[in-house]
Protein backbone atom coordinates (compact mmCIF):
# COMPACT_ATOMS: atom_id res chain seq x y z
CA UNK A 1 -16.14 -46.25 -20.14
CA UNK A 2 -19.69 -44.83 -20.19
CA UNK A 3 -20.16 -46.01 -16.56
CA UNK A 4 -16.99 -44.21 -15.47
CA UNK A 5 -18.18 -41.03 -17.21
CA UNK A 6 -21.60 -41.21 -15.55
CA UNK A 7 -20.05 -41.81 -12.14
CA UNK A 8 -17.75 -38.80 -12.68
CA UNK A 9 -20.66 -36.55 -13.64
CA UNK A 10 -22.65 -37.75 -10.69
CA UNK A 11 -19.72 -37.12 -8.33
CA UNK A 12 -19.34 -33.57 -9.72
CA UNK A 13 -23.06 -32.91 -9.21
CA UNK A 14 -22.84 -34.07 -5.59
CA UNK A 15 -19.82 -31.83 -5.03
CA UNK A 16 -21.68 -28.89 -6.54
CA UNK A 17 -24.63 -29.55 -4.23
CA UNK A 18 -22.25 -29.72 -1.25
CA UNK A 19 -20.62 -26.41 -2.15
CA UNK A 20 -23.33 -24.14 -3.61
CA UNK A 21 -22.55 -20.68 -4.83
CA UNK A 22 -24.31 -18.27 -2.48
CA UNK A 23 -24.62 -15.19 -4.72
CA UNK A 24 -23.25 -13.86 -7.99
CA UNK A 25 -19.80 -13.71 -6.29
CA UNK A 26 -17.58 -16.75 -5.97
CA UNK A 27 -18.07 -18.67 -2.70
CA UNK A 28 -15.11 -19.90 -0.71
CA UNK A 29 -15.47 -22.78 1.75
CA UNK A 30 -12.61 -23.22 4.26
CA UNK A 31 -12.55 -26.18 6.66
CA UNK A 32 -9.79 -26.28 9.23
CA UNK A 33 -8.39 -29.57 10.54
CA UNK A 34 -10.81 -30.99 13.09
CA UNK A 35 -12.74 -27.73 12.94
CA UNK A 36 -10.03 -25.93 14.88
CA UNK A 37 -10.61 -22.27 15.67
CA UNK A 38 -8.21 -19.55 14.43
CA UNK A 39 -7.05 -17.82 17.55
CA UNK A 40 -4.10 -15.63 16.60
CA UNK A 41 -1.97 -14.04 13.89
CA UNK A 42 1.21 -16.05 14.43
CA UNK A 43 0.19 -19.70 14.22
CA UNK A 44 -1.20 -21.21 11.06
CA UNK A 45 -3.97 -23.84 11.14
CA UNK A 46 -4.06 -26.54 8.49
CA UNK A 47 -7.19 -26.43 6.31
CA UNK A 48 -8.84 -27.26 3.03
CA UNK A 49 -10.22 -24.62 0.68
CA UNK A 50 -12.95 -25.08 -1.90
CA UNK A 51 -13.50 -22.27 -4.47
CA UNK A 52 -16.81 -22.23 -6.25
CA UNK A 53 -17.40 -19.87 -9.17
CA UNK A 54 -20.17 -20.88 -11.58
CA UNK A 55 -19.30 -24.29 -12.99
CA UNK A 56 -15.76 -24.02 -11.67
CA UNK A 57 -15.11 -25.98 -8.50
CA UNK A 58 -11.48 -26.05 -7.29
CA UNK A 59 -10.22 -27.76 -4.16
CA UNK A 60 -6.96 -26.85 -2.42
CA UNK A 61 -6.26 -29.60 0.16
CA UNK A 62 -2.86 -28.52 1.39
CA UNK A 63 -3.19 -24.95 2.70
CA UNK A 64 -3.06 -23.07 5.97
CA UNK A 65 -4.86 -20.08 7.50
CA UNK A 66 -4.19 -17.63 10.35
CA UNK A 67 -5.36 -14.23 11.45
CA UNK A 68 -3.89 -10.99 10.07
CA UNK A 69 -4.07 -7.24 10.68
CA UNK A 70 -3.63 -5.13 13.79
CA UNK A 71 -6.67 -3.18 14.98
CA UNK A 72 -8.92 -5.04 12.52
CA UNK A 73 -7.94 -8.36 14.10
CA UNK A 74 -8.05 -7.36 17.79
CA UNK A 75 -11.12 -5.10 17.66
CA UNK A 76 -13.43 -6.49 15.04
CA UNK A 77 -15.72 -9.54 15.34
CA UNK A 78 -15.54 -10.19 11.61
CA UNK A 79 -11.91 -11.23 11.34
CA UNK A 80 -9.47 -10.83 8.42
CA UNK A 81 -7.28 -13.76 7.47
CA UNK A 82 -4.06 -14.71 5.71
CA UNK A 83 -4.03 -17.94 3.69
CA UNK A 84 -0.96 -19.85 2.55
CA UNK A 85 -0.88 -22.59 -0.05
CA UNK A 86 1.74 -25.33 -0.08
CA UNK A 87 2.56 -24.47 -3.71
CA UNK A 88 2.39 -21.20 -5.61
CA UNK A 89 -1.04 -20.56 -7.05
CA UNK A 90 -2.38 -18.07 -9.59
CA UNK A 91 -5.35 -17.71 -7.26
CA UNK A 92 -6.80 -14.76 -9.19
CA UNK A 93 -5.73 -15.71 -12.69
CA UNK A 94 -2.94 -14.97 -15.14
CA UNK A 95 -2.98 -11.20 -14.64
CA UNK A 96 -2.04 -11.55 -10.98
CA UNK A 97 0.80 -13.03 -8.94
CA UNK A 98 1.78 -16.70 -8.86
CA UNK A 99 2.22 -16.91 -5.07
CA UNK A 100 1.64 -18.95 -1.93
CA UNK A 101 0.44 -16.09 0.25
CA UNK A 102 -2.91 -14.28 -0.14
CA UNK A 103 -5.22 -12.34 2.17
CA UNK A 104 -8.95 -12.41 2.94
CA UNK A 105 -9.94 -8.88 3.97
CA UNK A 106 -13.08 -8.54 6.12
CA UNK A 107 -13.55 -4.76 5.42
CA UNK A 108 -15.53 -4.77 8.61
CA UNK A 109 -14.86 -1.11 9.61
CA UNK A 110 -15.92 0.01 6.15
CA UNK A 111 -19.71 -0.16 5.85
CA UNK A 112 -19.53 0.16 2.05
CA UNK A 113 -16.97 -2.72 1.97
CA UNK A 114 -15.49 -1.25 -1.22
CA UNK A 115 -12.83 1.19 0.00
CA UNK A 116 -9.87 -1.16 -0.64
CA UNK A 117 -11.27 -2.13 -4.05
CA UNK A 118 -11.75 1.52 -4.95
CA UNK A 119 -8.15 2.19 -3.91
CA UNK A 120 -7.03 -0.56 -6.27
CA UNK A 121 -8.89 1.25 -9.07
CA UNK A 122 -7.41 4.60 -8.02
CA UNK A 123 -3.88 3.17 -8.05
CA UNK A 124 -4.34 1.92 -11.61
CA UNK A 125 -5.74 5.30 -12.71
CA UNK A 126 -2.83 7.20 -11.14
CA UNK A 127 -0.30 4.78 -12.69
CA UNK A 128 1.22 3.18 -9.60
CA UNK A 129 3.52 0.20 -10.29
CA UNK A 130 1.60 -2.23 -8.04
CA UNK A 131 -1.93 -2.15 -6.68
CA UNK A 132 -3.08 -4.97 -4.39
CA UNK A 133 -5.85 -6.98 -6.00
CA UNK A 134 -9.55 -6.87 -5.18
CA UNK A 135 -11.97 -9.77 -5.83
CA UNK A 136 -15.04 -10.13 -3.65
CA UNK A 137 -16.27 -13.51 -2.40
CA UNK A 138 -18.71 -14.98 0.06
CA UNK A 139 -16.97 -16.92 2.82
CA UNK A 140 -17.90 -19.97 4.78
CA UNK A 141 -15.49 -20.96 7.56
CA UNK A 142 -16.03 -24.33 9.27
CA UNK A 143 -19.53 -24.54 7.86
CA UNK A 144 -20.47 -21.10 9.19
CA UNK A 145 -21.27 -18.21 6.86
CA UNK A 146 -18.94 -15.26 7.67
CA UNK A 147 -20.05 -12.64 5.19
CA UNK A 148 -18.57 -10.70 2.21
CA UNK A 149 -14.80 -10.83 2.00
CA UNK A 150 -12.16 -9.59 -0.45
CA UNK A 151 -9.30 -11.65 -1.80
CA UNK A 152 -6.22 -9.50 -2.11
CA UNK A 153 -2.47 -9.82 -2.62
CA UNK A 154 -0.22 -10.30 0.38
CA UNK A 155 2.09 -7.27 0.02
CA UNK A 156 5.49 -8.80 -0.60
CA UNK A 157 8.34 -8.96 -3.07
CA UNK A 158 7.11 -11.04 -5.97
CA UNK A 159 6.52 -10.73 -9.72
CA UNK A 160 3.28 -8.75 -10.26
CA UNK A 161 3.53 -7.56 -6.67
CA UNK A 162 6.51 -5.53 -5.38
CA UNK A 163 8.74 -6.31 -8.34
CA UNK A 164 12.33 -6.05 -7.16
CA UNK A 165 14.88 -8.85 -6.90
CA UNK A 166 13.66 -11.40 -4.36
CA UNK A 167 17.18 -12.16 -3.22
CA UNK A 168 18.69 -8.70 -2.90
CA UNK A 169 15.92 -6.13 -3.42
CA UNK A 170 14.89 -3.89 -0.54
CA UNK A 171 11.25 -3.70 0.58
CA UNK A 172 10.74 -1.51 3.63
CA UNK A 173 7.81 -0.39 5.79
CA UNK A 174 7.78 2.79 7.83
CA UNK A 175 5.64 1.72 10.72
CA UNK A 176 4.61 2.68 14.22
CA UNK A 177 5.34 0.86 17.46
CA UNK A 178 2.20 -1.27 17.23
CA UNK A 179 3.17 -2.52 13.76
CA UNK A 180 6.91 -3.12 14.17
CA UNK A 181 8.05 -6.59 13.07
CA UNK A 182 11.42 -8.28 13.26
CA UNK A 183 13.72 -7.45 11.65
CA UNK A 184 13.35 -3.68 12.20
CA UNK A 185 15.42 -0.70 13.29
CA UNK A 186 14.93 2.87 14.53
CA UNK A 187 16.08 5.78 12.40
CA UNK A 188 18.81 7.80 14.02
CA UNK A 189 17.21 11.29 13.95
CA UNK A 190 13.40 10.95 14.13
CA UNK A 191 13.19 7.51 15.72
CA UNK A 192 10.90 6.03 13.09
CA UNK A 193 10.37 2.23 13.10
CA UNK A 194 11.42 0.66 9.78
CA UNK A 195 10.44 -2.95 9.12
CA UNK A 196 12.72 -4.84 6.68
CA UNK A 197 10.29 -6.92 4.62
CA UNK A 198 12.93 -7.96 2.10
CA UNK A 199 15.62 -9.49 1.91
CA UNK A 200 14.31 -12.32 4.07
CA UNK A 201 15.50 -15.56 5.60
CA UNK A 202 18.85 -16.75 4.28
CA UNK A 203 19.22 -13.60 2.16
CA UNK A 204 19.08 -11.36 5.24
CA UNK A 205 22.20 -10.73 7.32
CA UNK A 206 23.54 -8.13 9.72
CA UNK A 207 25.68 -6.65 6.96
CA UNK A 208 22.52 -6.21 4.82
CA UNK A 209 20.77 -4.64 7.76
CA UNK A 210 23.66 -2.25 8.30
CA UNK A 211 23.63 -1.21 4.67
CA UNK A 212 19.89 -0.59 4.67
CA UNK A 213 19.95 1.28 8.06
CA UNK A 214 22.84 3.48 6.95
CA UNK A 215 21.14 4.36 3.65
CA UNK A 216 17.81 5.16 5.31
CA UNK A 217 19.50 7.25 8.03
CA UNK A 218 21.39 9.18 5.34
CA UNK A 219 18.13 9.92 3.53
CA UNK A 220 16.48 11.04 6.78
CA UNK A 221 19.40 13.32 7.59
CA UNK A 222 19.28 14.82 4.11
CA UNK A 223 15.49 15.52 4.45
CA UNK A 224 16.13 17.54 7.59
CA UNK A 225 19.34 19.22 6.40
CA UNK A 226 19.68 22.69 4.95
CA UNK A 227 20.22 21.14 1.51
CA UNK A 228 16.99 19.12 1.54
CA UNK A 229 15.38 20.91 -1.43
CA UNK A 230 18.49 20.89 -3.60
CA UNK A 231 17.64 18.74 -6.68
CA UNK A 232 21.11 17.15 -6.73
CA UNK A 233 22.05 17.11 -3.03
CA UNK A 234 18.61 16.78 -1.32
CA UNK A 235 16.01 14.10 -0.97
CA UNK A 236 15.22 14.01 -4.74
CA UNK A 237 18.60 12.41 -5.37
CA UNK A 238 17.45 9.41 -3.19
CA UNK A 239 13.76 9.06 -4.06
CA UNK A 240 12.07 8.28 -7.37
CA UNK A 241 10.25 11.53 -7.91
CA UNK A 242 7.42 10.17 -10.05
CA UNK A 243 6.46 7.46 -7.56
CA UNK A 244 6.66 9.91 -4.66
CA UNK A 245 4.29 12.39 -6.28
CA UNK A 246 1.88 9.67 -7.49
CA UNK A 247 1.80 8.03 -4.09
CA UNK A 248 1.30 11.28 -2.16
CA UNK A 249 -1.45 12.60 -4.43
CA UNK A 250 -3.25 9.29 -4.37
CA UNK A 251 -2.94 9.10 -0.57
CA UNK A 252 -4.48 12.57 -0.15
CA UNK A 253 -7.30 11.59 -2.48
CA UNK A 254 -8.22 8.65 -0.20
CA UNK A 255 -8.13 10.90 2.89
CA UNK A 256 -6.79 7.94 4.87
CA UNK A 257 -6.51 8.70 8.60
CA UNK A 258 -3.86 5.95 8.88
CA UNK A 259 -2.07 6.95 5.68
CA UNK A 260 1.02 8.21 7.53
CA UNK A 261 1.16 5.31 9.96
CA UNK A 262 2.39 2.74 7.49
CA UNK A 263 4.32 3.67 4.35
CA UNK A 264 5.97 1.22 1.98
CA UNK A 265 9.08 1.80 -0.11
CA UNK A 266 11.22 -0.42 -2.29
CA UNK A 267 14.40 -0.31 -4.35
CA UNK A 268 17.01 -2.55 -5.91
CA UNK A 269 20.04 -2.83 -3.63
CA UNK A 270 22.30 -1.30 -6.28
CA UNK A 271 19.79 1.36 -7.40
CA UNK A 272 20.00 4.75 -5.73
CA UNK A 273 16.29 5.56 -6.08
CA UNK A 274 13.63 4.51 -3.50
CA UNK A 275 10.16 3.99 -5.01
CA UNK A 276 7.21 4.85 -2.74
CA UNK A 277 4.17 2.57 -2.50
CA UNK A 278 2.01 0.63 -2.79
CA UNK A 279 -1.23 1.94 -1.32
CA UNK A 280 -2.63 -0.55 1.14
CA UNK A 281 -5.27 -1.08 3.85
CA UNK A 282 -7.71 1.75 3.16
CA UNK A 283 -10.83 0.56 4.99
CA UNK A 284 -10.73 3.65 7.19
CA UNK A 285 -10.13 6.00 4.27
CA UNK A 286 -12.63 7.69 1.91
CA UNK A 287 -14.42 9.59 4.70
CA UNK A 288 -15.16 6.49 6.81
CA UNK A 289 -13.79 7.61 10.15
CA UNK A 290 -15.24 10.12 12.58
CA UNK A 291 -12.51 12.53 11.44
CA UNK A 292 -14.72 13.68 8.60
CA UNK A 293 -12.96 17.03 8.55
CA UNK A 294 -10.50 15.32 6.18
CA UNK A 295 -12.90 16.32 3.49
CA UNK A 296 -11.40 19.78 3.96
CA UNK A 297 -7.94 19.16 5.43
CA UNK A 298 -4.71 17.56 4.21
CA UNK A 299 -3.39 14.52 6.09
CA UNK A 300 -0.31 16.59 6.98
CA UNK A 301 -2.29 19.45 8.54
CA UNK A 302 -2.87 19.40 12.25
CA UNK A 303 -3.42 15.66 12.66
CA UNK A 304 -0.38 14.10 14.36
CA UNK A 305 0.94 10.98 12.67
CA UNK A 306 4.39 9.44 12.75
CA UNK A 307 5.51 10.65 9.37
CA UNK A 308 3.70 13.99 9.31
CA UNK A 309 6.77 16.09 10.14
CA UNK A 310 8.63 14.63 7.16
CA UNK A 311 5.79 15.24 4.74
CA UNK A 312 5.44 18.82 5.98
CA UNK A 313 9.14 19.18 5.39
CA UNK A 314 8.64 18.20 1.70
CA UNK A 315 5.87 20.77 1.41
CA UNK A 316 8.50 23.44 2.09
CA UNK A 317 10.19 22.49 -1.15
CA UNK A 318 8.70 24.67 -3.96
CA UNK A 319 9.35 21.88 -6.47
CA UNK A 320 7.24 19.44 -4.44
CA UNK A 321 4.30 21.85 -4.09
CA UNK A 322 4.38 22.57 -7.83
CA UNK A 323 4.57 18.93 -8.86
CA UNK A 324 1.74 17.81 -6.52
CA UNK A 325 -0.57 20.41 -8.00
CA UNK A 326 0.52 19.68 -11.57
CA UNK A 327 -0.02 15.96 -11.21
CA UNK A 328 -3.41 16.40 -9.51
CA UNK A 329 -4.54 18.85 -12.16
CA UNK A 330 -3.61 16.30 -14.83
CA UNK A 331 -5.63 13.57 -13.07
CA UNK A 332 -8.65 15.85 -12.86
CA UNK A 333 -8.34 16.72 -16.52
CA UNK A 334 -8.18 12.96 -17.31
CA UNK A 335 -11.57 12.43 -15.64
CA UNK A 336 -10.60 11.36 -12.12
CA UNK A 337 -13.90 12.41 -10.49
CA UNK A 338 -16.19 10.63 -13.00
CA UNK A 339 -13.93 7.59 -12.90
CA UNK A 340 -14.16 7.24 -9.12
CA UNK A 341 -17.90 7.85 -9.01
CA UNK A 342 -18.47 5.32 -11.75
CA UNK A 343 -16.37 2.74 -9.97
CA UNK A 344 -18.25 3.31 -6.72
CA UNK A 345 -21.52 2.52 -8.51
CA UNK A 346 -20.01 -0.46 -10.29
CA UNK A 347 -18.47 -1.99 -7.14
CA UNK A 348 -21.65 -1.43 -5.12
CA UNK A 349 -23.63 -3.22 -7.85
CA UNK A 350 -21.18 -6.13 -7.94
CA UNK A 351 -21.55 -6.84 -4.20
CA UNK A 352 -25.23 -5.93 -4.03
CA UNK A 353 -26.65 -9.43 -3.31
CA UNK A 354 -23.71 -10.32 -1.13
CA UNK A 355 -23.80 -7.22 1.07
CA UNK A 356 -27.45 -7.97 1.87
CA UNK A 357 -26.51 -11.37 3.22
CA UNK A 358 -23.48 -9.89 4.99
CA UNK A 359 -25.59 -7.35 6.86
CA UNK A 360 -28.11 -9.98 7.84
CA UNK A 361 -25.45 -11.23 10.30
CA UNK A 362 -23.40 -8.06 10.92
CA UNK A 363 -25.50 -4.99 11.98
CA UNK A 364 -25.34 -2.28 9.33
CA UNK A 365 -26.35 0.52 11.67
CA UNK A 366 -23.88 -0.11 14.48
CA UNK A 367 -20.21 0.63 14.84
CA UNK A 368 -17.91 -2.36 14.70
CA UNK A 369 -14.94 -0.24 15.91
CA UNK A 370 -14.89 2.96 17.90
CA UNK A 371 -13.09 4.99 15.26
CA UNK A 372 -15.68 4.35 12.56
CA UNK A 373 -17.75 7.25 11.16
CA UNK A 374 -20.47 8.71 13.34
CA UNK A 375 -22.93 8.80 10.46
CA UNK A 376 -24.73 5.42 10.60
CA UNK A 377 -27.50 4.34 8.25
CA UNK A 378 -30.15 1.64 8.22
CA UNK A 379 -29.46 0.81 4.54
CA UNK A 380 -26.43 0.24 2.37
CA UNK A 381 -27.36 2.96 -0.06
CA UNK A 382 -26.80 5.57 2.66
CA UNK A 383 -23.13 4.59 2.90
CA UNK A 384 -22.66 4.68 -0.86
CA UNK A 385 -24.13 8.18 -0.95
CA UNK A 386 -21.79 9.28 1.80
CA UNK A 387 -18.83 7.88 -0.12
CA UNK A 388 -19.78 9.68 -3.33
CA UNK A 389 -20.40 12.95 -1.43
CA UNK A 390 -16.93 12.59 0.13
CA UNK A 391 -15.32 12.13 -3.27
CA UNK A 392 -17.00 15.20 -4.77
CA UNK A 393 -16.27 17.50 -1.81
CA UNK A 394 -12.77 16.23 -1.09
CA UNK A 395 -11.59 16.38 -4.67
CA UNK A 396 -12.82 20.00 -4.95
CA UNK A 397 -11.04 20.88 -1.69
CA UNK A 398 -7.75 19.27 -2.90
CA UNK A 399 -7.99 21.23 -6.14
CA UNK A 400 -8.17 24.52 -4.24
CA UNK A 401 -5.56 23.57 -1.62
CA UNK A 402 -2.96 22.21 -4.00
CA UNK A 403 -3.28 25.18 -6.30
CA UNK A 404 -2.96 27.62 -3.41
CA UNK A 405 0.23 25.94 -2.15
CA UNK A 406 1.73 25.75 -5.61
CA UNK A 407 1.06 29.40 -6.31
CA UNK A 408 2.52 30.35 -2.94
CA UNK A 409 5.70 28.33 -3.58
CA UNK A 410 6.76 30.68 -6.39
CA UNK A 411 8.21 27.71 -8.32
CA UNK A 412 8.82 28.24 -12.04
CA UNK A 413 9.19 25.05 -14.04
CA UNK A 414 12.19 24.94 -16.38
CA UNK A 415 11.64 24.43 -20.07
CA UNK A 416 11.19 20.69 -20.79
CA UNK A 417 14.06 18.82 -22.35
CA UNK A 418 13.57 16.46 -25.29
CA UNK A 419 12.13 13.07 -24.34
CA UNK A 420 11.15 14.35 -20.87
CA UNK A 421 8.62 12.48 -18.79
CA UNK A 422 5.04 13.06 -20.03
CA UNK A 423 3.86 13.89 -16.52
CA UNK A 424 6.62 16.47 -16.14
CA UNK A 425 8.25 14.66 -13.22
CA UNK A 426 11.70 14.14 -14.65
CA UNK A 427 14.05 12.04 -12.52
CA UNK A 428 17.36 13.32 -11.24
CA UNK A 429 20.19 11.27 -12.72
CA UNK A 430 22.89 10.88 -10.18
CA UNK A 431 26.55 10.90 -11.06
CA UNK A 432 28.58 7.84 -10.37
CA UNK A 433 31.81 7.73 -8.32
CA UNK A 434 34.13 7.89 -11.27
CA UNK A 435 35.29 11.50 -10.78
CA UNK A 436 37.77 12.91 -8.25
CA UNK A 437 35.73 16.05 -7.52
CA UNK A 438 32.75 14.42 -5.81
CA UNK A 439 31.68 13.05 -2.43
CA UNK A 440 29.54 9.89 -2.60
CA UNK A 441 27.58 7.52 -0.40
CA UNK A 442 28.72 3.87 -0.27
CA UNK A 443 25.95 3.03 -2.79
CA UNK A 444 27.42 5.48 -5.27
CA UNK A 445 25.13 8.47 -4.84
CA UNK A 446 26.82 11.86 -5.29
CA UNK A 447 25.96 14.03 -2.29
CA UNK A 448 28.31 16.96 -2.85
CA UNK A 449 30.70 18.44 -5.38
CA UNK A 450 33.93 19.43 -3.66
CA UNK A 451 37.67 19.29 -4.15
CA UNK A 452 38.15 19.82 -0.44
CA UNK A 453 36.39 17.27 1.81
CA UNK A 454 37.20 19.10 5.00
CA UNK A 455 35.40 22.26 3.87
CA UNK A 456 32.30 20.25 3.01
CA UNK A 457 31.99 17.64 5.79
CA UNK A 458 30.25 20.01 8.17
CA UNK A 459 27.32 20.20 5.77
CA UNK A 460 26.98 16.41 5.54
CA UNK A 461 24.85 14.16 7.78
CA UNK A 462 26.56 11.48 9.81
CA UNK A 463 27.68 8.45 7.79
CA UNK A 464 30.36 6.86 5.70
CA UNK A 465 31.31 8.40 2.36
CA UNK A 466 33.63 7.86 -0.56
CA UNK A 467 36.01 10.67 -1.47
CA UNK A 468 38.81 10.22 -4.02
CA UNK A 469 38.46 6.43 -3.82
CA UNK A 470 38.71 6.18 -0.02
CA UNK A 471 36.17 5.85 2.81
CA UNK A 472 35.70 8.82 5.07
CA UNK A 473 33.55 8.81 8.23
CA UNK A 474 31.54 11.83 9.29
CA UNK A 475 30.67 11.64 13.00
């Protein structure tokens, strides 16, 4: 028995020597089958992963790896990856998802390498339902050191990720042409690409697609209708107001140049409210790109993006302008600026030893992608200073801009009702189709009050409705 114990200890020591921990961060070793290169984003390569963190040494023998991302994959030398285990793993511990799919972000276009992690912290501060994880590691791939990486959640429907029903829940991405993925559709009025991320596989069908497409088109038509700002008939009857305001305020805080390129939303199939979020992929946010004027400009102002016209439409709703300013003012009062600056310092300290090794192989004073910021430094501290300067200046600008727009809106908030939401963003409770004086969508959302359908139909967007228990088509 003693001999077996001694042999076990000796074996563990040999393993530890074979997989040393490079810095204070965990070190991940990935070895693909036969040392095969990872060439694309579609085809997985079989591999073994060893995770070293202090005395902990965990081996995952049955896993796969492939590329991920769009511009970050095609334009950056330091590649991001998606990894997939054969069985669900609590890869980051009990407080995170139990899942097969995870990501390894390279953060190559972000010289601070902490933008995505800072966004995770921001999401928690704002109170968003799901914020993709951030744990930094040193990565070896096929015996070659690749630099500082970040383990994060794969954004998908899953407990402790996007938490809707995995079988029937809707998870959608408003994307651009470069990011469209099957199954997807175009919206009828504005021609947006919408990727259907869930339901998937055997739970997806053409009837499900039709239901989703019809619902999204109805929402889009309502946004651009004359009734768009009506609290009962406009967009607020379809969208969870609290998540919309939190998402938009947080997005403007990040100053993400790509923030209106890819937008996520989710809802239960039988629930009328679409929740907006999560925030994701913010390496080119926080003042990183050459569009540094975003320190003093909203994402919806004069910078063409796919969804900009819709967001500018919402700004014409006095309620929206008032709530954005109110929520932002509350975040400032709760210490947002000091919180962000503190987390910048904390994250920079955490990756301090690792970033030095990372920039020994990846030049710190050269652009890795053409749209990176023009302000290059010879040391890491210069990028951290830029990030903190952006936060101070951008937050001050948003405070002025949001207040100005709220004041100009002329909105007067009604007196709060008992048990109202503490943030003052009270949801609209839609009536159900149990009355004979309403017009409803097929999902049960009241869109008009009328005892005469013919007098109301001209105000409605195209679609199929329920009126007095029967389906009526508006063409």
